[in-house]
Amino acid sequence: MARDGTARGGPRAGSGRKSKALTEKMETGNPGGRKLKVMELPDTPDLKGEDVPDPKDYLSAKQKNGSPLCADEVFKETWLWLKERGCERLVSTQLIEQYAMSVARWLQCEQAISDYGFLAKHPTTGAACAIPYVAMSQQYMKQVNQVWFQIFQIVKENCSVEFQGTPQDDMMERLLRSRKG
């Protein structure tokens, strides 16, 4: 407690040692001694008859330029990826929606950079200046990574087998597809 009555310092959010993946704990013989919660994954994902929750309307809203927002597609792909690993109940729907919306906004910024370039004319001086979409794109990418790390940490801590491939592997392809129209 400081002299002015405010609490300062203390542990920072997200600081400290990251918890090990379940597979690592199993390989080392569970040095902590606690009972491990093991979720077995099927050999091949069986997605027949599985219901994906309906994405909220704002994830597929029309944008100002008339193009649809692709956040609903990202939401469905991410949910199905989690479903294949048996972790869809462990990750909140709001977290998946936040991830999907951040990816969609990042793609919008990248599309604007492709359309308008990196430079613009300053409104008062007329000199060249950087367009704001570059900084916005960087901020959205940072947000995408932070939310994805939260989702991936949940999956990593609860999956008993190694897996490959993530919905993030497809982000650049989606960006390239959005340029075709």
N, C-alpha and C. Protein backbone atom coordinates (compact mmCIF):
# COMPACT_ATOMS: atom_id res chain seq x y z
N MET A 1 0.85 -1.17 0.00
CA MET A 1 0.00 0.00 0.00
C MET A 1 0.90 1.24 0.00
N ALA A 2 0.64 2.15 -0.91
CA ALA A 2 1.43 3.37 -1.00
C ALA A 2 0.91 4.40 0.00
N ARG A 3 1.66 5.48 0.18
CA ARG A 3 1.26 6.53 1.13
C ARG A 3 -0.06 7.18 0.75
N ASP A 4 -0.33 7.23 -0.55
CA ASP A 4 -1.57 7.88 -0.98
C ASP A 4 -2.79 6.95 -0.90
N GLY A 5 -2.60 5.74 -0.40
CA GLY A 5 -3.72 4.84 -0.18
C GLY A 5 -4.04 3.93 -1.36
N THR A 6 -3.22 3.95 -2.40
CA THR A 6 -3.48 3.09 -3.55
C THR A 6 -2.62 1.84 -3.48
N ALA A 7 -3.17 0.76 -3.93
CA ALA A 7 -2.43 -0.50 -3.97
C ALA A 7 -1.66 -0.57 -5.28
N ARG A 8 -0.37 -0.85 -5.19
CA ARG A 8 0.46 -0.92 -6.38
C ARG A 8 1.27 -2.20 -6.36
N GLY A 9 1.74 -2.56 -7.52
CA GLY A 9 2.60 -3.75 -7.59
C GLY A 9 1.78 -5.02 -7.55
N GLY A 10 2.41 -6.06 -7.14
CA GLY A 10 1.74 -7.35 -7.08
C GLY A 10 1.91 -8.12 -8.37
N PRO A 11 1.39 -9.32 -8.38
CA PRO A 11 1.57 -10.16 -9.58
C PRO A 11 0.82 -9.59 -10.78
N ARG A 12 1.43 -9.65 -11.92
CA ARG A 12 0.81 -9.18 -13.16
C ARG A 12 -0.01 -10.31 -13.78
N ALA A 13 -1.06 -9.94 -14.44
CA ALA A 13 -1.90 -10.94 -15.10
C ALA A 13 -1.10 -11.63 -16.20
N GLY A 14 -1.16 -12.94 -16.22
CA GLY A 14 -0.46 -13.70 -17.26
C GLY A 14 1.01 -13.93 -16.98
N SER A 15 1.50 -13.41 -15.85
CA SER A 15 2.92 -13.60 -15.56
C SER A 15 3.12 -14.94 -14.86
N GLY A 16 4.35 -15.33 -14.74
CA GLY A 16 4.65 -16.59 -14.08
C GLY A 16 4.83 -17.72 -15.07
N ARG A 17 5.15 -18.85 -14.54
CA ARG A 17 5.41 -20.01 -15.37
C ARG A 17 4.11 -20.52 -15.98
N LYS A 18 4.14 -20.81 -17.25
CA LYS A 18 2.97 -21.35 -17.93
C LYS A 18 2.82 -22.81 -17.55
N SER A 19 1.59 -23.26 -17.43
CA SER A 19 1.38 -24.65 -17.06
C SER A 19 1.74 -25.57 -18.21
N LYS A 20 2.19 -26.77 -17.87
CA LYS A 20 2.61 -27.73 -18.87
C LYS A 20 1.40 -28.34 -19.56
N ALA A 21 1.63 -28.81 -20.77
CA ALA A 21 0.59 -29.54 -21.49
C ALA A 21 0.38 -30.88 -20.81
N LEU A 22 -0.82 -31.43 -20.95
CA LEU A 22 -1.15 -32.70 -20.34
C LEU A 22 -0.25 -33.81 -20.86
N THR A 23 0.08 -33.76 -22.15
CA THR A 23 0.95 -34.80 -22.71
C THR A 23 2.33 -34.76 -22.07
N GLU A 24 2.84 -33.56 -21.78
CA GLU A 24 4.15 -33.45 -21.11
C GLU A 24 4.09 -34.01 -19.70
N LYS A 25 3.00 -33.74 -18.99
CA LYS A 25 2.86 -34.26 -17.63
C LYS A 25 2.82 -35.79 -17.65
N MET A 26 2.15 -36.36 -18.65
CA MET A 26 2.05 -37.81 -18.74
C MET A 26 3.41 -38.44 -19.06
N GLU A 27 4.19 -37.76 -19.92
CA GLU A 27 5.51 -38.28 -20.29
C GLU A 27 6.49 -38.26 -19.12
N THR A 28 6.41 -37.23 -18.27
CA THR A 28 7.35 -37.12 -17.15
C THR A 28 6.88 -37.86 -15.93
N GLY A 29 5.76 -38.54 -16.02
CA GLY A 29 5.29 -39.34 -14.89
C GLY A 29 4.54 -38.54 -13.85
N ASN A 30 3.98 -37.40 -14.22
CA ASN A 30 3.17 -36.57 -13.33
C ASN A 30 3.92 -36.21 -12.05
N PRO A 31 4.94 -35.34 -12.17
CA PRO A 31 5.75 -35.01 -10.99
C PRO A 31 4.97 -34.29 -9.89
N GLY A 32 3.86 -33.64 -10.22
CA GLY A 32 3.08 -32.93 -9.20
C GLY A 32 2.28 -33.86 -8.32
N GLY A 33 1.95 -35.05 -8.82
CA GLY A 33 1.24 -36.04 -8.03
C GLY A 33 -0.27 -35.91 -8.03
N ARG A 34 -0.82 -34.84 -8.60
CA ARG A 34 -2.27 -34.71 -8.64
C ARG A 34 -2.84 -35.64 -9.71
N LYS A 35 -4.09 -36.02 -9.54
CA LYS A 35 -4.74 -36.87 -10.53
C LYS A 35 -4.96 -36.05 -11.81
N LEU A 36 -4.56 -36.61 -12.95
CA LEU A 36 -4.67 -35.91 -14.22
C LEU A 36 -6.03 -36.17 -14.84
N LYS A 37 -6.62 -35.12 -15.36
CA LYS A 37 -7.88 -35.26 -16.09
C LYS A 37 -7.54 -35.55 -17.53
N VAL A 38 -7.82 -36.76 -17.98
CA VAL A 38 -7.45 -37.19 -19.32
C VAL A 38 -8.69 -37.27 -20.17
N MET A 39 -8.67 -36.57 -21.30
CA MET A 39 -9.77 -36.61 -22.26
C MET A 39 -9.26 -37.36 -23.48
N GLU A 40 -9.84 -38.49 -23.78
CA GLU A 40 -9.42 -39.27 -24.93
C GLU A 40 -10.09 -38.73 -26.18
N LEU A 41 -9.31 -38.60 -27.24
CA LEU A 41 -9.83 -38.13 -28.52
C LEU A 41 -10.09 -39.32 -29.42
N PRO A 42 -11.13 -39.26 -30.23
CA PRO A 42 -11.37 -40.34 -31.17
C PRO A 42 -10.28 -40.36 -32.24
N ASP A 43 -10.08 -41.54 -32.86
CA ASP A 43 -9.05 -41.66 -33.89
C ASP A 43 -9.35 -40.74 -35.07
N THR A 44 -10.56 -40.75 -35.54
CA THR A 44 -10.96 -39.86 -36.62
C THR A 44 -12.15 -39.05 -36.14
N PRO A 45 -12.16 -37.77 -36.41
CA PRO A 45 -13.28 -36.96 -35.94
C PRO A 45 -14.57 -37.35 -36.67
N ASP A 46 -15.61 -37.58 -35.91
CA ASP A 46 -16.91 -37.91 -36.46
C ASP A 46 -17.81 -36.70 -36.27
N LEU A 47 -18.00 -35.94 -37.31
CA LEU A 47 -18.75 -34.69 -37.20
C LEU A 47 -20.17 -34.80 -37.74
N LYS A 48 -20.59 -36.01 -38.08
CA LYS A 48 -21.94 -36.17 -38.60
C LYS A 48 -22.95 -35.87 -37.50
N GLY A 49 -23.94 -35.08 -37.83
CA GLY A 49 -25.02 -34.79 -36.90
C GLY A 49 -24.65 -33.87 -35.75
N GLU A 50 -23.48 -33.31 -35.76
CA GLU A 50 -23.07 -32.41 -34.70
C GLU A 50 -23.61 -31.02 -34.98
N ASP A 51 -24.09 -30.37 -33.95
CA ASP A 51 -24.64 -29.03 -34.10
C ASP A 51 -23.59 -28.00 -33.72
N VAL A 52 -23.37 -27.06 -34.61
CA VAL A 52 -22.53 -25.91 -34.31
C VAL A 52 -23.48 -24.83 -33.82
N PRO A 53 -23.20 -24.23 -32.69
CA PRO A 53 -24.10 -23.17 -32.24
C PRO A 53 -24.19 -22.06 -33.28
N ASP A 54 -25.38 -21.51 -33.43
CA ASP A 54 -25.56 -20.43 -34.40
C ASP A 54 -24.75 -19.22 -33.96
N PRO A 55 -23.93 -18.69 -34.88
CA PRO A 55 -23.19 -17.47 -34.54
C PRO A 55 -24.15 -16.30 -34.36
N LYS A 56 -23.77 -15.37 -33.54
CA LYS A 56 -24.59 -14.18 -33.33
C LYS A 56 -24.70 -13.39 -34.63
N ASP A 57 -25.75 -12.60 -34.75
CA ASP A 57 -26.00 -11.84 -35.99
C ASP A 57 -24.88 -10.86 -36.31
N TYR A 58 -24.29 -10.26 -35.29
CA TYR A 58 -23.25 -9.25 -35.54
C TYR A 58 -22.00 -9.86 -36.17
N LEU A 59 -21.84 -11.19 -36.11
CA LEU A 59 -20.68 -11.83 -36.72
C LEU A 59 -20.81 -11.95 -38.24
N SER A 60 -22.01 -11.77 -38.75
CA SER A 60 -22.20 -11.86 -40.20
C SER A 60 -22.87 -10.62 -40.77
N ALA A 61 -22.78 -9.50 -40.07
CA ALA A 61 -23.43 -8.26 -40.49
C ALA A 61 -22.79 -7.70 -41.76
N LYS A 62 -23.59 -7.02 -42.56
CA LYS A 62 -23.06 -6.34 -43.75
C LYS A 62 -22.24 -5.14 -43.29
N GLN A 63 -21.13 -4.93 -43.96
CA GLN A 63 -20.25 -3.83 -43.63
C GLN A 63 -20.62 -2.59 -44.43
N LYS A 64 -20.01 -1.49 -44.11
CA LYS A 64 -20.32 -0.22 -44.76
C LYS A 64 -20.08 -0.28 -46.27
N ASN A 65 -19.06 -1.04 -46.69
CA ASN A 65 -18.79 -1.14 -48.13
C ASN A 65 -19.65 -2.20 -48.81
N GLY A 66 -20.54 -2.85 -48.07
CA GLY A 66 -21.46 -3.82 -48.66
C GLY A 66 -20.99 -5.26 -48.59
N SER A 67 -19.75 -5.48 -48.23
CA SER A 67 -19.24 -6.85 -48.16
C SER A 67 -19.65 -7.48 -46.82
N PRO A 68 -19.84 -8.79 -46.80
CA PRO A 68 -20.20 -9.44 -45.54
C PRO A 68 -18.97 -9.61 -44.65
N LEU A 69 -19.20 -9.59 -43.35
CA LEU A 69 -18.13 -9.84 -42.39
C LEU A 69 -17.95 -11.34 -42.28
N CYS A 70 -16.74 -11.83 -42.33
CA CYS A 70 -16.49 -13.27 -42.35
C CYS A 70 -16.30 -13.86 -40.96
N ALA A 71 -16.68 -13.16 -39.92
CA ALA A 71 -16.47 -13.64 -38.56
C ALA A 71 -17.28 -14.91 -38.28
N ASP A 72 -18.45 -15.05 -38.91
CA ASP A 72 -19.24 -16.26 -38.68
C ASP A 72 -18.53 -17.51 -39.20
N GLU A 73 -17.82 -17.38 -40.32
CA GLU A 73 -17.05 -18.51 -40.85
C GLU A 73 -15.91 -18.89 -39.89
N VAL A 74 -15.22 -17.88 -39.37
CA VAL A 74 -14.13 -18.13 -38.44
C VAL A 74 -14.67 -18.78 -37.17
N PHE A 75 -15.82 -18.32 -36.70
CA PHE A 75 -16.46 -18.90 -35.52
C PHE A 75 -16.74 -20.38 -35.73
N LYS A 76 -17.35 -20.71 -36.87
CA LYS A 76 -17.70 -22.11 -37.16
C LYS A 76 -16.45 -22.98 -37.28
N GLU A 77 -15.44 -22.50 -38.00
CA GLU A 77 -14.21 -23.28 -38.16
C GLU A 77 -13.53 -23.52 -36.81
N THR A 78 -13.48 -22.49 -35.98
CA THR A 78 -12.83 -22.63 -34.68
C THR A 78 -13.62 -23.58 -33.79
N TRP A 79 -14.94 -23.46 -33.80
CA TRP A 79 -15.76 -24.34 -32.98
C TRP A 79 -15.61 -25.79 -33.42
N LEU A 80 -15.59 -26.02 -34.73
CA LEU A 80 -15.41 -27.39 -35.23
C LEU A 80 -14.03 -27.93 -34.87
N TRP A 81 -13.01 -27.07 -34.92
CA TRP A 81 -11.66 -27.48 -34.53
C TRP A 81 -11.64 -27.89 -33.06
N LEU A 82 -12.32 -27.12 -32.22
CA LEU A 82 -12.41 -27.46 -30.80
C LEU A 82 -13.22 -28.74 -30.60
N LYS A 83 -14.27 -28.91 -31.38
CA LYS A 83 -15.12 -30.10 -31.28
C LYS A 83 -14.33 -31.36 -31.61
N GLU A 84 -13.46 -31.29 -32.63
CA GLU A 84 -12.65 -32.44 -33.00
C GLU A 84 -11.75 -32.87 -31.84
N ARG A 85 -11.36 -31.94 -30.99
CA ARG A 85 -10.47 -32.24 -29.89
C ARG A 85 -11.22 -32.45 -28.58
N GLY A 86 -12.55 -32.35 -28.62
CA GLY A 86 -13.35 -32.58 -27.42
C GLY A 86 -13.28 -31.45 -26.41
N CYS A 87 -12.94 -30.26 -26.85
CA CYS A 87 -12.76 -29.13 -25.92
C CYS A 87 -13.78 -28.02 -26.12
N GLU A 88 -14.82 -28.26 -26.92
CA GLU A 88 -15.77 -27.18 -27.20
C GLU A 88 -16.54 -26.75 -25.95
N ARG A 89 -16.68 -27.65 -24.96
CA ARG A 89 -17.39 -27.31 -23.73
C ARG A 89 -16.50 -26.52 -22.77
N LEU A 90 -15.20 -26.60 -22.96
CA LEU A 90 -14.27 -25.95 -22.04
C LEU A 90 -13.99 -24.49 -22.38
N VAL A 91 -14.17 -24.13 -23.64
CA VAL A 91 -13.91 -22.76 -24.10
C VAL A 91 -15.24 -22.04 -24.22
N SER A 92 -15.34 -20.87 -23.63
CA SER A 92 -16.61 -20.14 -23.67
C SER A 92 -16.91 -19.64 -25.08
N THR A 93 -18.18 -19.61 -25.39
CA THR A 93 -18.62 -19.13 -26.70
C THR A 93 -18.21 -17.68 -26.92
N GLN A 94 -18.23 -16.88 -25.85
CA GLN A 94 -17.84 -15.47 -25.98
C GLN A 94 -16.38 -15.34 -26.38
N LEU A 95 -15.53 -16.22 -25.89
CA LEU A 95 -14.11 -16.18 -26.25
C LEU A 95 -13.93 -16.53 -27.73
N ILE A 96 -14.69 -17.51 -28.21
CA ILE A 96 -14.62 -17.88 -29.63
C ILE A 96 -15.15 -16.74 -30.48
N GLU A 97 -16.23 -16.09 -30.04
CA GLU A 97 -16.79 -14.95 -30.78
C GLU A 97 -15.79 -13.80 -30.83
N GLN A 98 -15.12 -13.54 -29.71
CA GLN A 98 -14.13 -12.46 -29.67
C GLN A 98 -12.98 -12.76 -30.64
N TYR A 99 -12.55 -14.00 -30.67
CA TYR A 99 -11.49 -14.40 -31.59
C TYR A 99 -11.94 -14.21 -33.03
N ALA A 100 -13.14 -14.68 -33.35
CA ALA A 100 -13.66 -14.59 -34.71
C ALA A 100 -13.79 -13.13 -35.16
N MET A 101 -14.30 -12.29 -34.29
CA MET A 101 -14.48 -10.88 -34.64
C MET A 101 -13.12 -10.20 -34.84
N SER A 102 -12.15 -10.52 -34.03
CA SER A 102 -10.82 -9.92 -34.17
C SER A 102 -10.17 -10.34 -35.48
N VAL A 103 -10.31 -11.61 -35.85
CA VAL A 103 -9.77 -12.09 -37.13
C VAL A 103 -10.45 -11.36 -38.28
N ALA A 104 -11.77 -11.22 -38.22
CA ALA A 104 -12.50 -10.56 -39.30
C ALA A 104 -12.07 -9.09 -39.44
N ARG A 105 -11.90 -8.41 -38.33
CA ARG A 105 -11.48 -7.00 -38.38
C ARG A 105 -10.04 -6.89 -38.89
N TRP A 106 -9.17 -7.81 -38.52
CA TRP A 106 -7.81 -7.81 -39.05
C TRP A 106 -7.83 -7.98 -40.56
N LEU A 107 -8.67 -8.90 -41.04
CA LEU A 107 -8.78 -9.11 -42.49
C LEU A 107 -9.29 -7.85 -43.19
N GLN A 108 -10.23 -7.15 -42.56
CA GLN A 108 -10.74 -5.90 -43.14
C GLN A 108 -9.62 -4.87 -43.26
N CYS A 109 -8.82 -4.73 -42.22
CA CYS A 109 -7.71 -3.77 -42.26
C CYS A 109 -6.72 -4.14 -43.35
N GLU A 110 -6.39 -5.41 -43.47
CA GLU A 110 -5.46 -5.85 -44.51
C GLU A 110 -6.03 -5.60 -45.90
N GLN A 111 -7.33 -5.80 -46.05
CA GLN A 111 -7.96 -5.52 -47.34
C GLN A 111 -7.89 -4.02 -47.66
N ALA A 112 -8.12 -3.17 -46.66
CA ALA A 112 -8.04 -1.72 -46.87
C ALA A 112 -6.61 -1.31 -47.23
N ILE A 113 -5.61 -1.93 -46.62
CA ILE A 113 -4.22 -1.62 -46.96
C ILE A 113 -3.95 -2.02 -48.40
N SER A 114 -4.49 -3.16 -48.82
CA SER A 114 -4.31 -3.59 -50.21
C SER A 114 -5.00 -2.64 -51.18
N ASP A 115 -6.17 -2.14 -50.79
CA ASP A 115 -6.93 -1.25 -51.67
C ASP A 115 -6.34 0.15 -51.75
N TYR A 116 -5.93 0.71 -50.61
CA TYR A 116 -5.53 2.11 -50.55
C TYR A 116 -4.02 2.34 -50.49
N GLY A 117 -3.25 1.32 -50.22
CA GLY A 117 -1.81 1.49 -50.11
C GLY A 117 -1.41 1.88 -48.70
N PHE A 118 -0.14 2.22 -48.53
CA PHE A 118 0.38 2.52 -47.20
C PHE A 118 0.38 4.02 -46.87
N LEU A 119 0.29 4.87 -47.89
CA LEU A 119 0.39 6.31 -47.66
C LEU A 119 -0.89 7.03 -48.04
N ALA A 120 -1.14 8.13 -47.35
CA ALA A 120 -2.28 9.00 -47.64
C ALA A 120 -1.80 10.45 -47.58
N LYS A 121 -2.65 11.34 -48.05
CA LYS A 121 -2.32 12.76 -48.00
C LYS A 121 -2.87 13.35 -46.71
N HIS A 122 -2.01 14.05 -45.97
CA HIS A 122 -2.43 14.67 -44.71
C HIS A 122 -3.50 15.72 -45.01
N PRO A 123 -4.59 15.78 -44.22
CA PRO A 123 -5.69 16.69 -44.54
C PRO A 123 -5.35 18.18 -44.45
N THR A 124 -4.43 18.57 -43.60
CA THR A 124 -4.12 20.00 -43.46
C THR A 124 -2.85 20.42 -44.18
N THR A 125 -1.81 19.60 -44.09
CA THR A 125 -0.54 20.00 -44.70
C THR A 125 -0.38 19.50 -46.13
N GLY A 126 -1.10 18.45 -46.48
CA GLY A 126 -0.96 17.89 -47.82
C GLY A 126 0.24 16.99 -47.98
N ALA A 127 1.03 16.82 -46.93
CA ALA A 127 2.20 15.95 -46.98
C ALA A 127 1.77 14.49 -46.87
N ALA A 128 2.65 13.60 -47.28
CA ALA A 128 2.36 12.17 -47.19
C ALA A 128 2.41 11.72 -45.73
N CYS A 129 1.47 10.87 -45.35
CA CYS A 129 1.45 10.30 -44.01
C CYS A 129 0.96 8.86 -44.10
N ALA A 130 1.25 8.09 -43.10
CA ALA A 130 0.83 6.69 -43.08
C ALA A 130 -0.67 6.59 -42.85
N ILE A 131 -1.30 5.65 -43.54
CA ILE A 131 -2.73 5.46 -43.32
C ILE A 131 -2.93 4.75 -41.98
N PRO A 132 -4.06 4.99 -41.31
CA PRO A 132 -4.27 4.39 -39.99
C PRO A 132 -4.53 2.89 -40.02
N TYR A 133 -4.82 2.33 -41.19
CA TYR A 133 -5.13 0.90 -41.26
C TYR A 133 -3.94 0.02 -40.89
N VAL A 134 -2.73 0.52 -41.08
CA VAL A 134 -1.55 -0.27 -40.74
C VAL A 134 -1.48 -0.47 -39.22
N ALA A 135 -1.62 0.61 -38.46
CA ALA A 135 -1.59 0.51 -37.00
C ALA A 135 -2.78 -0.29 -36.49
N MET A 136 -3.94 -0.09 -37.10
CA MET A 136 -5.12 -0.85 -36.69
C MET A 136 -4.92 -2.33 -36.94
N SER A 137 -4.33 -2.67 -38.08
CA SER A 137 -4.08 -4.06 -38.42
C SER A 137 -3.15 -4.70 -37.40
N GLN A 138 -2.12 -3.98 -37.00
CA GLN A 138 -1.18 -4.50 -36.01
C GLN A 138 -1.87 -4.73 -34.67
N GLN A 139 -2.74 -3.82 -34.28
CA GLN A 139 -3.46 -3.96 -33.01
C GLN A 139 -4.41 -5.16 -33.05
N TYR A 140 -5.13 -5.32 -34.18
CA TYR A 140 -6.03 -6.48 -34.29
C TYR A 140 -5.25 -7.79 -34.31
N MET A 141 -4.10 -7.81 -34.98
CA MET A 141 -3.30 -9.03 -35.00
C MET A 141 -2.81 -9.37 -33.59
N LYS A 142 -2.44 -8.36 -32.83
CA LYS A 142 -2.02 -8.58 -31.45
C LYS A 142 -3.18 -9.16 -30.63
N GLN A 143 -4.37 -8.59 -30.84
CA GLN A 143 -5.55 -9.07 -30.13
C GLN A 143 -5.89 -10.50 -30.54
N VAL A 144 -5.78 -10.81 -31.84
CA VAL A 144 -6.04 -12.16 -32.33
C VAL A 144 -5.10 -13.14 -31.64
N ASN A 145 -3.83 -12.81 -31.58
CA ASN A 145 -2.86 -13.71 -30.96
C ASN A 145 -3.12 -13.90 -29.47
N GLN A 146 -3.47 -12.84 -28.77
CA GLN A 146 -3.73 -12.96 -27.34
C GLN A 146 -4.93 -13.86 -27.06
N VAL A 147 -6.00 -13.66 -27.82
CA VAL A 147 -7.20 -14.49 -27.61
C VAL A 147 -6.92 -15.92 -28.02
N TRP A 148 -6.18 -16.10 -29.14
CA TRP A 148 -5.89 -17.47 -29.58
C TRP A 148 -5.03 -18.20 -28.55
N PHE A 149 -4.07 -17.52 -27.94
CA PHE A 149 -3.24 -18.16 -26.92
C PHE A 149 -4.08 -18.62 -25.74
N GLN A 150 -5.12 -17.86 -25.38
CA GLN A 150 -6.02 -18.27 -24.31
C GLN A 150 -6.77 -19.55 -24.70
N ILE A 151 -7.30 -19.58 -25.92
CA ILE A 151 -8.02 -20.76 -26.40
C ILE A 151 -7.08 -21.95 -26.48
N PHE A 152 -5.91 -21.74 -27.06
CA PHE A 152 -4.97 -22.84 -27.27
C PHE A 152 -4.45 -23.38 -25.94
N GLN A 153 -4.30 -22.52 -24.94
CA GLN A 153 -3.84 -22.97 -23.63
C GLN A 153 -4.86 -23.93 -23.01
N ILE A 154 -6.14 -23.63 -23.17
CA ILE A 154 -7.19 -24.52 -22.66
C ILE A 154 -7.11 -25.88 -23.35
N VAL A 155 -6.94 -25.86 -24.68
CA VAL A 155 -6.85 -27.11 -25.42
C VAL A 155 -5.59 -27.88 -25.03
N LYS A 156 -4.48 -27.18 -24.93
CA LYS A 156 -3.20 -27.83 -24.61
C LYS A 156 -3.25 -28.49 -23.24
N GLU A 157 -3.89 -27.84 -22.29
CA GLU A 157 -3.94 -28.37 -20.93
C GLU A 157 -4.90 -29.55 -20.80
N ASN A 158 -5.80 -29.73 -21.77
CA ASN A 158 -6.82 -30.76 -21.62
C ASN A 158 -6.78 -31.84 -22.68
N CYS A 159 -5.82 -31.81 -23.59
CA CYS A 159 -5.71 -32.81 -24.64
C CYS A 159 -4.64 -33.82 -24.24
N SER A 160 -4.96 -35.10 -24.35
CA SER A 160 -4.01 -36.13 -23.93
C SER A 160 -3.17 -36.66 -25.08
N VAL A 161 -3.43 -36.24 -26.30
CA VAL A 161 -2.64 -36.68 -27.45
C VAL A 161 -2.13 -35.46 -28.20
N GLU A 162 -1.00 -35.63 -28.89
CA GLU A 162 -0.45 -34.55 -29.71
C GLU A 162 -1.36 -34.33 -30.91
N PHE A 163 -1.43 -33.10 -31.38
CA PHE A 163 -2.23 -32.80 -32.56
C PHE A 163 -1.53 -31.74 -33.38
N GLN A 164 -1.91 -31.67 -34.64
CA GLN A 164 -1.33 -30.68 -35.54
C GLN A 164 -2.45 -29.91 -36.21
N GLY A 165 -2.13 -28.72 -36.68
CA GLY A 165 -3.08 -27.91 -37.42
C GLY A 165 -3.93 -27.06 -36.49
N THR A 166 -4.09 -25.80 -36.86
CA THR A 166 -4.93 -24.89 -36.10
C THR A 166 -5.74 -24.06 -37.08
N PRO A 167 -6.84 -23.47 -36.63
CA PRO A 167 -7.59 -22.57 -37.52
C PRO A 167 -6.75 -21.38 -37.97
N GLN A 168 -5.71 -21.02 -37.21
CA GLN A 168 -4.87 -19.89 -37.60
C GLN A 168 -4.05 -20.21 -38.84
N ASP A 169 -3.84 -21.48 -39.14
CA ASP A 169 -3.08 -21.85 -40.34
C ASP A 169 -3.77 -21.35 -41.60
N ASP A 170 -5.06 -21.11 -41.53
CA ASP A 170 -5.86 -20.78 -42.70
C ASP A 170 -6.10 -19.27 -42.84
N MET A 171 -5.57 -18.43 -41.93
CA MET A 171 -5.88 -17.00 -41.98
C MET A 171 -5.37 -16.32 -43.24
N MET A 172 -4.15 -16.63 -43.66
CA MET A 172 -3.59 -15.97 -44.84
C MET A 172 -4.35 -16.40 -46.09
N GLU A 173 -4.75 -17.66 -46.16
CA GLU A 173 -5.53 -18.10 -47.31
C GLU A 173 -6.87 -17.36 -47.38
N ARG A 174 -7.48 -17.15 -46.22
CA ARG A 174 -8.75 -16.41 -46.19
C ARG A 174 -8.54 -14.98 -46.67
N LEU A 175 -7.42 -14.38 -46.28
CA LEU A 175 -7.11 -13.03 -46.73
C LEU A 175 -6.98 -12.99 -48.24
N LEU A 176 -6.29 -13.96 -48.80
CA LEU A 176 -6.13 -14.00 -50.25
C LEU A 176 -7.44 -14.28 -50.97
N ARG A 177 -8.29 -15.13 -50.39
CA ARG A 177 -9.59 -15.40 -50.99
C ARG A 177 -10.48 -14.16 -50.96
N SER A 178 -10.38 -13.34 -49.93
CA SER A 178 -11.24 -12.16 -49.83
C SER A 178 -10.91 -11.13 -50.91
N ARG A 179 -9.72 -11.19 -51.47
CA ARG A 179 -9.34 -10.25 -52.51
C ARG A 179 -10.01 -10.59 -53.83
N LYS A 180 -10.41 -11.86 -54.04
CA LYS A 180 -11.03 -12.25 -55.29
C LYS A 180 -12.45 -11.72 -55.41
N GLY A 181 -13.08 -11.41 -54.30
CA GLY A 181 -14.40 -10.82 -54.35
C GLY A 181 -15.40 -11.60 -53.73
